[in-house]
Protein backbone atom coordinates (compact mmCIF):
# COMPACT_ATOMS: atom_id res chain seq x y z
CA MET A 1 12.10 -5.00 21.01
CA GLN A 2 11.25 -1.32 20.48
CA ALA A 3 10.64 -2.04 16.79
CA VAL A 4 8.13 -4.76 17.77
CA LEU A 5 6.36 -2.36 20.10
CA ILE A 6 5.97 0.20 17.31
CA VAL A 7 3.96 -2.22 15.15
CA LEU A 8 2.30 -4.18 17.95
CA PRO A 9 -0.71 -1.74 18.31
CA ILE A 10 -1.37 -2.11 14.58
CA PHE A 11 -1.57 -5.85 14.61
CA LEU A 12 -3.53 -5.92 17.89
CA LEU A 13 -6.19 -3.85 16.12
CA VAL A 14 -6.08 -6.09 13.09
CA GLY A 15 -6.45 -9.08 15.42
CA LEU A 16 -9.33 -7.39 17.22
CA GLY A 17 -11.10 -6.81 13.89
CA ALA A 18 -10.78 -10.52 13.13
CA VAL A 19 -12.17 -11.46 16.55
CA LEU A 20 -15.07 -9.07 16.18
CA ARG A 21 -15.97 -10.53 12.80
CA TYR A 22 -15.70 -14.10 14.29
CA LYS A 23 -18.04 -13.09 17.15
CA GLY A 24 -20.49 -11.51 14.76
CA ALA A 25 -19.98 -7.98 16.06
CA LEU A 26 -18.80 -6.77 12.61
CA SER A 27 -21.30 -7.83 9.99
CA GLN A 28 -20.69 -7.56 6.20
CA GLN A 29 -23.08 -4.66 6.20
CA THR A 30 -21.07 -2.87 8.90
CA LEU A 31 -17.83 -3.53 7.04
CA ARG A 32 -19.27 -2.10 3.82
CA GLU A 33 -20.45 0.97 5.68
CA ASN A 34 -17.07 1.42 7.38
CA ASN A 35 -15.25 1.01 4.05
CA PHE A 36 -17.45 3.73 2.54
CA ILE A 37 -16.59 6.19 5.29
CA LEU A 38 -12.89 5.31 5.11
CA TYR A 39 -12.69 5.36 1.35
CA TRP A 40 -14.61 8.57 0.63
CA PHE A 41 -13.96 10.71 3.72
CA ALA A 42 -11.41 9.63 6.38
CA MET A 43 -8.51 8.45 4.29
CA PRO A 44 -8.77 11.27 1.76
CA ALA A 45 -8.67 13.78 4.61
CA THR A 46 -5.47 12.11 5.92
CA LEU A 47 -3.83 12.23 2.50
CA LEU A 48 -4.89 15.85 1.74
CA ARG A 49 -3.51 17.09 5.08
CA GLY A 50 -0.34 15.11 4.45
CA ILE A 51 0.26 16.65 1.01
CA LEU A 52 -0.53 20.18 2.22
CA GLY A 53 1.93 19.83 5.08
CA ALA A 54 4.71 18.04 3.15
CA ASP A 55 8.17 19.51 2.59
CA MET A 56 8.15 20.22 -1.14
CA ASP A 57 11.97 20.70 -1.25
CA VAL A 58 12.27 17.15 -2.38
CA LEU A 59 10.70 18.12 -5.71
CA GLN A 60 13.86 20.23 -6.39
CA ASN A 61 15.52 16.87 -7.05
CA PRO A 62 14.60 16.36 -10.78
CA SER A 63 14.99 12.62 -10.35
CA PHE A 64 12.44 12.25 -7.56
CA VAL A 65 9.60 11.03 -9.80
CA ILE A 66 11.87 8.57 -11.56
CA ALA A 67 13.17 7.35 -8.20
CA VAL A 68 9.65 6.56 -6.92
CA TRP A 69 8.70 4.82 -10.18
CA LEU A 70 11.74 2.63 -10.67
CA PRO A 71 11.24 0.18 -7.73
CA TYR A 72 7.96 -0.92 -9.23
CA LEU A 73 9.51 -1.60 -12.64
CA ILE A 74 12.60 -3.37 -11.27
CA SER A 75 10.67 -5.49 -8.81
CA ILE A 76 8.27 -6.78 -11.47
CA ALA A 77 11.14 -7.32 -13.86
CA LEU A 78 12.79 -9.56 -11.19
CA VAL A 79 9.57 -11.55 -10.81
CA TRP A 80 9.51 -12.14 -14.58
CA ILE A 81 13.22 -13.27 -14.53
CA ALA A 82 13.15 -15.48 -11.43
CA GLY A 83 9.57 -16.27 -10.46
CA ARG A 84 7.93 -17.78 -13.48
CA ARG A 85 9.30 -21.30 -13.20
CA GLY A 86 6.87 -23.89 -11.90
CA GLU A 87 3.85 -21.61 -11.91
CA THR A 88 0.65 -21.88 -13.97
CA ARG A 89 -0.15 -19.03 -16.20
CA GLN A 90 -2.94 -17.77 -13.88
CA ARG A 91 -0.80 -18.01 -10.76
CA PHE A 92 2.20 -16.30 -12.38
CA ALA A 93 -0.14 -13.51 -13.59
CA THR A 94 -1.39 -13.17 -10.00
CA LEU A 95 2.16 -13.10 -8.69
CA THR A 96 3.19 -10.28 -11.00
CA LEU A 97 -0.04 -8.41 -10.11
CA SER A 98 0.62 -8.75 -6.37
CA ALA A 99 4.37 -8.02 -6.35
CA VAL A 100 4.12 -4.30 -5.75
CA ARG A 101 0.54 -3.63 -4.73
CA GLY A 102 0.95 -2.84 -1.03
CA ASN A 103 -1.61 -2.10 1.58
CA HIS A 104 -0.48 1.56 1.63
CA PHE A 105 -3.59 3.09 3.06
CA PHE A 106 -5.15 0.68 5.53
CA ALA A 107 -1.83 -0.38 7.00
CA GLY A 108 1.02 1.70 5.54
CA ILE A 109 -0.05 5.17 6.55
CA PRO A 110 -0.90 4.08 10.17
CA ILE A 111 2.44 2.32 10.59
CA VAL A 112 4.39 5.23 9.14
CA HIS A 113 2.52 7.54 11.58
CA LEU A 114 3.39 5.38 14.54
CA ALA A 115 7.07 5.01 13.53
CA MET A 116 7.76 8.50 12.24
CA GLY A 117 4.94 10.82 13.29
CA GLN A 118 3.22 13.41 11.05
CA PRO A 119 6.37 14.29 9.10
CA GLY A 120 6.51 10.63 7.99
CA VAL A 121 2.87 10.71 6.89
CA GLU A 122 3.54 13.88 4.92
CA ALA A 123 6.53 12.33 3.14
CA GLY A 124 4.55 9.13 2.55
CA THR A 125 1.58 10.93 0.94
CA LEU A 126 4.03 12.76 -1.33
CA ILE A 127 5.58 9.46 -2.51
CA LEU A 128 2.11 7.94 -3.01
CA ALA A 129 0.87 10.97 -4.90
CA PHE A 130 3.58 10.57 -7.49
CA SER A 131 3.62 6.79 -7.70
CA LEU A 132 0.00 5.61 -7.55
CA VAL A 133 -0.64 5.96 -11.29
CA ILE A 134 2.51 4.10 -12.41
CA MET A 135 1.96 1.39 -9.77
CA GLN A 136 -1.55 0.67 -11.05
CA LEU A 137 -0.54 0.61 -14.71
CA ILE A 138 2.60 -1.51 -14.22
CA SER A 139 1.02 -4.11 -11.95
CA ILE A 140 -2.13 -4.53 -14.03
CA GLY A 141 -0.27 -4.36 -17.35
CA SER A 142 2.23 -7.01 -16.16
CA GLY A 143 -0.54 -9.21 -14.94
CA GLN A 144 -2.31 -9.00 -18.27
CA LEU A 145 0.89 -9.68 -20.13
CA ALA A 146 1.48 -12.85 -18.10
CA LEU A 147 -2.12 -13.96 -18.56
CA PHE A 148 -2.81 -13.14 -22.19
CA GLY A 149 0.64 -12.58 -23.71
CA LYS A 150 -0.09 -8.91 -24.25
CA PRO A 151 -1.61 -6.04 -22.25
CA SER A 152 -5.17 -5.05 -23.04
CA TRP A 153 -5.10 -1.40 -23.83
CA SER A 154 -8.85 -1.13 -23.21
CA THR A 155 -8.36 -2.44 -19.70
CA MET A 156 -5.43 0.00 -19.20
CA ARG A 157 -7.59 2.88 -20.23
CA ALA A 158 -10.36 1.70 -17.95
CA THR A 159 -7.79 1.50 -15.14
CA VAL A 160 -6.80 5.10 -15.64
CA PHE A 161 -10.47 6.13 -15.83
CA GLN A 162 -11.23 4.33 -12.56
CA LEU A 163 -8.12 5.89 -10.93
CA PHE A 164 -9.50 9.34 -11.66
CA LYS A 165 -12.69 8.34 -9.84
CA ASN A 166 -10.71 7.11 -6.82
CA PRO A 167 -11.02 9.57 -3.91
CA LEU A 168 -7.66 8.55 -2.46
CA PHE A 169 -5.84 9.41 -5.70
CA LEU A 170 -7.95 12.49 -6.25
CA SER A 171 -7.20 13.81 -2.77
CA CYS A 172 -3.47 13.49 -3.53
CA LEU A 173 -3.90 15.21 -6.88
CA PHE A 174 -6.02 17.97 -5.41
CA GLY A 175 -3.45 18.53 -2.64
CA LEU A 176 -0.65 18.81 -5.15
CA ALA A 177 -2.65 21.23 -7.23
CA LEU A 178 -3.17 23.42 -4.15
CA VAL A 179 0.50 23.29 -3.32
CA PHE A 180 1.65 24.26 -6.74
CA ALA A 181 -0.92 27.07 -6.76
CA GLY A 182 0.44 28.39 -3.49
CA LEU A 183 -2.81 27.63 -1.65
CA ASN A 184 -1.55 25.08 0.80
CA ARG A 185 -2.37 27.08 3.95
CA MET A 186 -5.87 26.07 4.99
CA PRO A 187 -8.05 28.15 7.36
CA PRO A 188 -7.62 26.80 10.90
CA TRP A 189 -11.25 25.68 11.13
CA LEU A 190 -10.94 23.65 7.91
CA ASP A 191 -7.67 22.07 8.98
CA SER A 192 -9.18 21.10 12.31
CA THR A 193 -12.17 19.61 10.56
CA LEU A 194 -9.96 17.46 8.35
CA ASP A 195 -7.74 16.58 11.30
CA ILE A 196 -10.70 15.23 13.27
CA LEU A 197 -11.96 13.34 10.22
CA ALA A 198 -8.51 11.88 9.65
CA ASP A 199 -8.25 10.76 13.24
CA ILE A 200 -11.00 8.15 12.78
CA SER A 201 -9.23 6.50 9.85
CA THR A 202 -6.43 4.62 11.63
CA GLY A 203 -8.48 2.52 14.08
CA MET A 204 -11.41 1.92 11.75
CA ALA A 205 -9.12 0.93 8.85
CA LEU A 206 -7.19 -1.59 10.96
CA LEU A 207 -10.38 -3.15 12.43
CA THR A 208 -11.84 -3.42 8.91
CA LEU A 209 -8.55 -4.92 7.59
CA GLY A 210 -8.61 -7.53 10.31
CA ALA A 211 -12.28 -8.39 9.80
CA GLY A 212 -11.64 -9.07 6.13
CA LEU A 213 -8.79 -11.61 6.68
CA HIS A 214 -9.40 -15.30 6.77
CA PHE A 215 -6.86 -17.92 7.93
CA GLU A 216 -7.29 -21.68 7.66
CA ASN A 217 -4.22 -23.85 7.60
CA SER A 218 -1.56 -21.12 7.89
CA LEU A 219 1.46 -23.35 7.17
CA LYS A 220 -0.20 -24.85 4.08
CA MET A 221 -1.21 -21.37 2.94
CA PHE A 222 2.40 -20.04 3.42
CA LEU A 223 3.93 -22.91 1.39
CA SER A 224 1.55 -22.12 -1.45
CA VAL A 225 2.20 -18.39 -1.55
CA TRP A 226 5.80 -18.06 -0.36
CA LYS A 227 6.84 -16.34 -3.60
CA ILE A 228 4.33 -13.57 -3.05
CA ALA A 229 5.56 -13.14 0.54
CA LEU A 230 9.18 -13.11 -0.48
CA VAL A 231 8.68 -10.58 -3.31
CA LYS A 232 6.38 -8.24 -1.46
CA LEU A 233 8.02 -8.26 2.00
CA VAL A 234 11.67 -8.61 1.09
CA VAL A 235 12.55 -8.04 -2.61
CA HIS A 236 10.45 -4.94 -3.27
CA PRO A 237 11.71 -3.12 -0.08
CA VAL A 238 15.34 -4.02 -0.92
CA VAL A 239 14.91 -2.67 -4.45
CA THR A 240 13.33 0.47 -3.10
CA ILE A 241 16.13 1.21 -0.64
CA LEU A 242 18.83 0.62 -3.32
CA VAL A 243 17.06 2.85 -5.86
CA PHE A 244 16.39 5.66 -3.34
CA LEU A 245 20.03 5.56 -2.21
CA ALA A 246 21.27 5.64 -5.77
CA PHE A 247 19.12 8.78 -6.52
CA GLY A 248 20.29 10.51 -3.44
CA LEU A 249 16.91 10.91 -1.72
CA SER A 250 16.86 12.08 1.90
CA THR A 251 17.05 9.67 4.83
CA GLN A 252 13.40 10.45 5.72
CA MET A 253 12.25 9.62 2.17
CA ILE A 254 14.23 6.37 2.17
CA GLN A 255 12.75 5.34 5.50
CA VAL A 256 9.18 6.13 4.48
CA GLY A 257 9.59 4.68 0.99
CA VAL A 258 10.94 1.38 2.27
CA LEU A 259 8.22 1.08 4.96
CA LEU A 260 5.57 1.60 2.34
CA ALA A 261 7.21 -0.90 0.04
CA ALA A 262 7.31 -3.43 2.85
CA MET A 263 3.58 -3.39 3.39
CA PRO A 264 1.59 -6.61 2.83
CA VAL A 265 -0.35 -7.11 -0.35
CA GLY A 266 -3.25 -4.66 -0.68
CA VAL A 267 -6.69 -5.97 0.15
CA ASN A 268 -8.26 -4.87 -3.15
CA THR A 269 -5.77 -6.98 -5.17
CA ALA A 270 -7.92 -10.09 -4.91
CA ILE A 271 -10.84 -8.23 -6.35
CA ILE A 272 -8.74 -7.10 -9.33
CA ALA A 273 -7.38 -10.65 -9.76
CA GLN A 274 -10.98 -11.98 -9.82
CA GLU A 275 -12.13 -9.41 -12.40
CA MET A 276 -9.13 -10.28 -14.60
CA ASP A 277 -9.80 -14.04 -14.43
CA MET A 278 -6.57 -14.74 -12.51
CA ASP A 279 -6.23 -17.01 -9.49
CA ASP A 280 -8.08 -14.88 -7.02
CA GLU A 281 -8.02 -17.58 -4.26
CA TYR A 282 -4.18 -17.71 -4.53
CA CYS A 283 -4.22 -13.89 -4.27
CA ALA A 284 -6.50 -13.92 -1.20
CA ARG A 285 -4.11 -16.38 0.51
CA GLY A 286 -1.21 -14.07 -0.39
CA ILE A 287 -2.96 -11.13 1.25
CA ALA A 288 -3.66 -13.10 4.44
CA ILE A 289 -0.15 -14.56 4.71
CA THR A 290 1.71 -11.37 3.88
CA THR A 291 -0.35 -9.50 6.51
CA PHE A 292 0.54 -12.22 9.07
CA CYS A 293 4.24 -12.32 8.09
CA ALA A 294 4.44 -8.56 8.17
CA MET A 295 4.16 -8.83 11.98
CA LEU A 296 7.67 -10.31 11.80
CA SER A 297 9.19 -8.49 8.84
CA LEU A 298 8.12 -4.92 9.65
CA PRO A 299 9.95 -4.73 13.06
CA VAL A 300 13.05 -5.93 11.20
CA TRP A 301 12.72 -3.18 8.61
CA ILE A 302 12.01 -0.58 11.29
CA HIS A 303 15.21 -1.65 13.08
CA LEU A 304 17.31 -1.74 9.86
CA LEU A 305 16.07 1.76 8.91
CA GLY A 306 17.17 3.14 12.25
CA LEU A 307 13.71 4.20 13.47
CA VAL A 308 14.30 2.82 16.99
């Protein structure tokens, strides 16, 4: 029951966002403006503070980077082995794209914060800082391979270029640069400014997430995207916990890594699927259903990870 109560505030806010959109209180213009503030200011402040406050002792483990990369590779390999049968080329490409692209920022960081506090956020930002590039390249490359029979190197280069224009990634990269330069102690006034800015991110992100979700016939939607839900909410977290255990990462890192892996499909995945001529409607249904199913799966993971 305690595990349910940990995630309940998250999904109540997501539900409130959906209600506000339905009532017309959150217009598309408002959502765009909120996303701009979140994307360029609030979430980068959260990630920067997380990196600067993180315990860097984990980097003494030379296998840390490999450990945070491997779950992405293994999960997608399992999709190729077991998930291709019965799927059209476009849907299979969408499945491989969606398999590891979690909603790490709008849902993951807030849930980690509720479950584990600021130390969890710091560990989570460290994991994300070292895994965002490989996650982007593997998921998009796998989707292209499924769709066209080979990855497009021009698209991969464009993905890397876009990543280095992404303020979320850049805030992680900038934080790591400051840490390695020994400049991770911010003046109190600057830390307080970033803290206040970061505080607005959780509620606004969840309301925006809820406002962007659309449910029609939920049962029919689930039956059409059950593979996405199974891979994203069960297979990928299981692979993550096994890899992290095998590489001897700390209990805290295992808990945070699995929670992030268990997040529903990221909301921007449908946009990528559309741009790559995949089945973007299938992807959008996967986002909605995995977000809904996460209300049930996340309390289970929180309980299994010993966070209650």
